[in-house]
């Protein structure tokens, strides 16, 4: 199946599609040069396929590309960042303690 991630700016969320079906999303809020990730959901029908990790990597790569500072309020994104240190530089150093990084 083909997996793709798209930025649905009207809904302020990144969406992941698996085989053309919406499988999950990450809600965000953008302000100036920051993006706050607020909530992540993967439909249980798509669980166990690694789509949450694919979504996390994709949105963080996009934040890096756009030179955005990341504020991981979402527990899933925060936890994923904690396991992938190559992305923690996206979180402002002054915010690392706040987010447990």
C-alpha atoms as a PDB file:
ATOM      1  CA  UNK A   1       0.000   0.000   0.000  1.00  0.00           C
ATOM      2  CA  UNK A   2       1.096   3.556  -0.674  1.00  0.00           C
ATOM      3  CA  UNK A   3       1.530   5.840   2.315  1.00  0.00           C
ATOM      4  CA  UNK A   4       1.618   9.622   2.030  1.00  0.00           C
ATOM      5  CA  UNK A   5       1.516  12.586   4.407  1.00  0.00           C
ATOM      6  CA  UNK A   6      -0.206  15.851   3.505  1.00  0.00           C
ATOM      7  CA  UNK A   7      -0.546  19.200   5.257  1.00  0.00           C
ATOM      8  CA  UNK A   8      -4.242  20.028   5.538  1.00  0.00           C
ATOM      9  CA  UNK A   9      -3.843  23.733   6.328  1.00  0.00           C
ATOM     10  CA  UNK A  10      -7.629  24.279   6.493  1.00  0.00           C
ATOM     11  CA  UNK A  11      -7.810  21.857   9.442  1.00  0.00           C
ATOM     12  CA  UNK A  12      -4.349  22.769  10.873  1.00  0.00           C
ATOM     13  CA  UNK A  13      -3.215  19.196  10.772  1.00  0.00           C
ATOM     14  CA  UNK A  14      -0.891  16.856   8.952  1.00  0.00           C
ATOM     15  CA  UNK A  15      -2.712  13.769   7.710  1.00  0.00           C
ATOM     16  CA  UNK A  16      -1.352  10.351   6.843  1.00  0.00           C
ATOM     17  CA  UNK A  17      -3.059   8.262   4.191  1.00  0.00           C
ATOM     18  CA  UNK A  18      -2.597   4.554   3.662  1.00  0.00           C
ATOM     19  CA  UNK A  19      -3.822   3.263   0.330  1.00  0.00           C
ATOM     20  CA  UNK A  20      -5.880   6.422  -0.171  1.00  0.00           C
ATOM     21  CA  UNK A  21      -7.639   6.155   3.204  1.00  0.00           C
ATOM     22  CA  UNK A  22      -7.135   8.663   5.994  1.00  0.00           C
ATOM     23  CA  UNK A  23      -5.257   6.672   8.654  1.00  0.00           C
ATOM     24  CA  UNK A  24      -4.406   9.412  11.149  1.00  0.00           C
ATOM     25  CA  UNK A  25      -3.327  12.966  11.799  1.00  0.00           C
ATOM     26  CA  UNK A  26      -1.332  15.381  13.946  1.00  0.00           C
ATOM     27  CA  UNK A  27      -3.028  18.644  14.914  1.00  0.00           C
ATOM     28  CA  UNK A  28      -0.803  21.703  15.068  1.00  0.00           C
ATOM     29  CA  UNK A  29      -0.758  25.421  15.709  1.00  0.00           C
ATOM     30  CA  UNK A  30       1.681  27.665  13.827  1.00  0.00           C
ATOM     31  CA  UNK A  31       2.801  31.036  15.086  1.00  0.00           C
ATOM     32  CA  UNK A  32       5.635  32.965  13.433  1.00  0.00           C
ATOM     33  CA  UNK A  33       8.626  30.584  13.334  1.00  0.00           C
ATOM     34  CA  UNK A  34       7.147  27.986  15.702  1.00  0.00           C
ATOM     35  CA  UNK A  35       4.934  24.962  15.234  1.00  0.00           C
ATOM     36  CA  UNK A  36       3.249  23.381  18.232  1.00  0.00           C
ATOM     37  CA  UNK A  37       2.148  19.775  17.815  1.00  0.00           C
ATOM     38  CA  UNK A  38      -0.956  19.317  19.949  1.00  0.00           C
ATOM     39  CA  UNK A  39      -2.536  15.916  19.352  1.00  0.00           C
ATOM     40  CA  UNK A  40      -1.871  12.763  17.317  1.00  0.00           C
ATOM     41  CA  UNK A  41      -4.355  10.055  16.364  1.00  0.00           C
ATOM     42  CA  UNK A  42      -3.975   6.896  14.323  1.00  0.00           C
ATOM     43  CA  UNK A  43      -7.211   5.082  13.483  1.00  0.00           C
ATOM     44  CA  UNK A  44      -7.161   1.720  15.319  1.00  0.00           C
ATOM     45  CA  UNK A  45      -7.811  -0.053  11.989  1.00  0.00           C
ATOM     46  CA  UNK A  46      -4.309   1.057  10.947  1.00  0.00           C
ATOM     47  CA  UNK A  47      -2.577   0.303  14.240  1.00  0.00           C
ATOM     48  CA  UNK A  48       0.627  -1.703  14.397  1.00  0.00           C
ATOM     49  CA  UNK A  49       1.847  -0.656  10.960  1.00  0.00           C
ATOM     50  CA  UNK A  50       4.323   2.007  12.084  1.00  0.00           C
ATOM     51  CA  UNK A  51       2.241   4.821  10.648  1.00  0.00           C
ATOM     52  CA  UNK A  52       2.621   6.936  13.787  1.00  0.00           C
ATOM     53  CA  UNK A  53       6.406   6.875  13.396  1.00  0.00           C
ATOM     54  CA  UNK A  54       6.159   7.578   9.678  1.00  0.00           C
ATOM     55  CA  UNK A  55       3.905  10.538  10.424  1.00  0.00           C
ATOM     56  CA  UNK A  56       6.203  11.862  13.164  1.00  0.00           C
ATOM     57  CA  UNK A  57       9.307  11.638  10.970  1.00  0.00           C
ATOM     58  CA  UNK A  58       7.519  13.323   8.076  1.00  0.00           C
ATOM     59  CA  UNK A  59       6.201  16.288  10.084  1.00  0.00           C
ATOM     60  CA  UNK A  60       9.541  16.834  11.796  1.00  0.00           C
ATOM     61  CA  UNK A  61      11.359  16.705   8.448  1.00  0.00           C
ATOM     62  CA  UNK A  62       8.897  19.304   7.175  1.00  0.00           C
ATOM     63  CA  UNK A  63       9.478  21.497  10.254  1.00  0.00           C
ATOM     64  CA  UNK A  64      13.237  21.299   9.609  1.00  0.00           C
ATOM     65  CA  UNK A  65      12.743  22.160   5.933  1.00  0.00           C
ATOM     66  CA  UNK A  66      10.687  25.227   6.879  1.00  0.00           C
ATOM     67  CA  UNK A  67      13.162  26.156   9.668  1.00  0.00           C
ATOM     68  CA  UNK A  68      10.428  26.002  12.314  1.00  0.00           C
ATOM     69  CA  UNK A  69      10.996  25.598  16.036  1.00  0.00           C
ATOM     70  CA  UNK A  70       9.046  22.609  17.358  1.00  0.00           C
ATOM     71  CA  UNK A  71       6.989  22.626  20.557  1.00  0.00           C
ATOM     72  CA  UNK A  72       5.939  18.992  21.194  1.00  0.00           C
ATOM     73  CA  UNK A  73       2.899  19.339  23.461  1.00  0.00           C
ATOM     74  CA  UNK A  74       1.490  16.076  22.078  1.00  0.00           C
ATOM     75  CA  UNK A  75       2.667  13.159  24.253  1.00  0.00           C
ATOM     76  CA  UNK A  76       3.166  10.902  21.226  1.00  0.00           C
ATOM     77  CA  UNK A  77       5.378  13.388  19.359  1.00  0.00           C
ATOM     78  CA  UNK A  78       7.254  14.231  22.568  1.00  0.00           C
ATOM     79  CA  UNK A  79       7.897  10.529  23.221  1.00  0.00           C
ATOM     80  CA  UNK A  80       8.976   9.941  19.641  1.00  0.00           C
ATOM     81  CA  UNK A  81      11.428  12.838  19.877  1.00  0.00           C
ATOM     82  CA  UNK A  82      12.833  11.332  23.063  1.00  0.00           C
ATOM     83  CA  UNK A  83      13.703   8.173  21.120  1.00  0.00           C
ATOM     84  CA  UNK A  84      15.115   9.967  18.067  1.00  0.00           C
ATOM     85  CA  UNK A  85      17.776  12.382  19.253  1.00  0.00           C
ATOM     86  CA  UNK A  86      18.566  13.434  15.686  1.00  0.00           C
ATOM     87  CA  UNK A  87      15.414  15.586  15.851  1.00  0.00           C
ATOM     88  CA  UNK A  88      15.709  17.141  19.322  1.00  0.00           C
ATOM     89  CA  UNK A  89      17.610  20.110  17.886  1.00  0.00           C
ATOM     90  CA  UNK A  90      14.271  21.252  16.435  1.00  0.00           C
ATOM     91  CA  UNK A  91      13.048  21.982  19.970  1.00  0.00           C
ATOM     92  CA  UNK A  92      14.551  25.220  21.324  1.00  0.00           C
ATOM     93  CA  UNK A  93      17.212  24.303  23.886  1.00  0.00           C
ATOM     94  CA  UNK A  94      15.528  26.498  26.497  1.00  0.00           C
ATOM     95  CA  UNK A  95      12.423  24.283  26.116  1.00  0.00           C
ATOM     96  CA  UNK A  96      14.159  20.894  26.479  1.00  0.00           C
ATOM     97  CA  UNK A  97      13.517  20.581  30.223  1.00  0.00           C
ATOM     98  CA  UNK A  98       9.876  21.618  29.786  1.00  0.00           C
ATOM     99  CA  UNK A  99       9.358  18.739  27.367  1.00  0.00           C
ATOM    100  CA  UNK A 100      11.605  16.229  29.128  1.00  0.00           C
ATOM    101  CA  UNK A 101      14.239  16.137  26.386  1.00  0.00           C
END
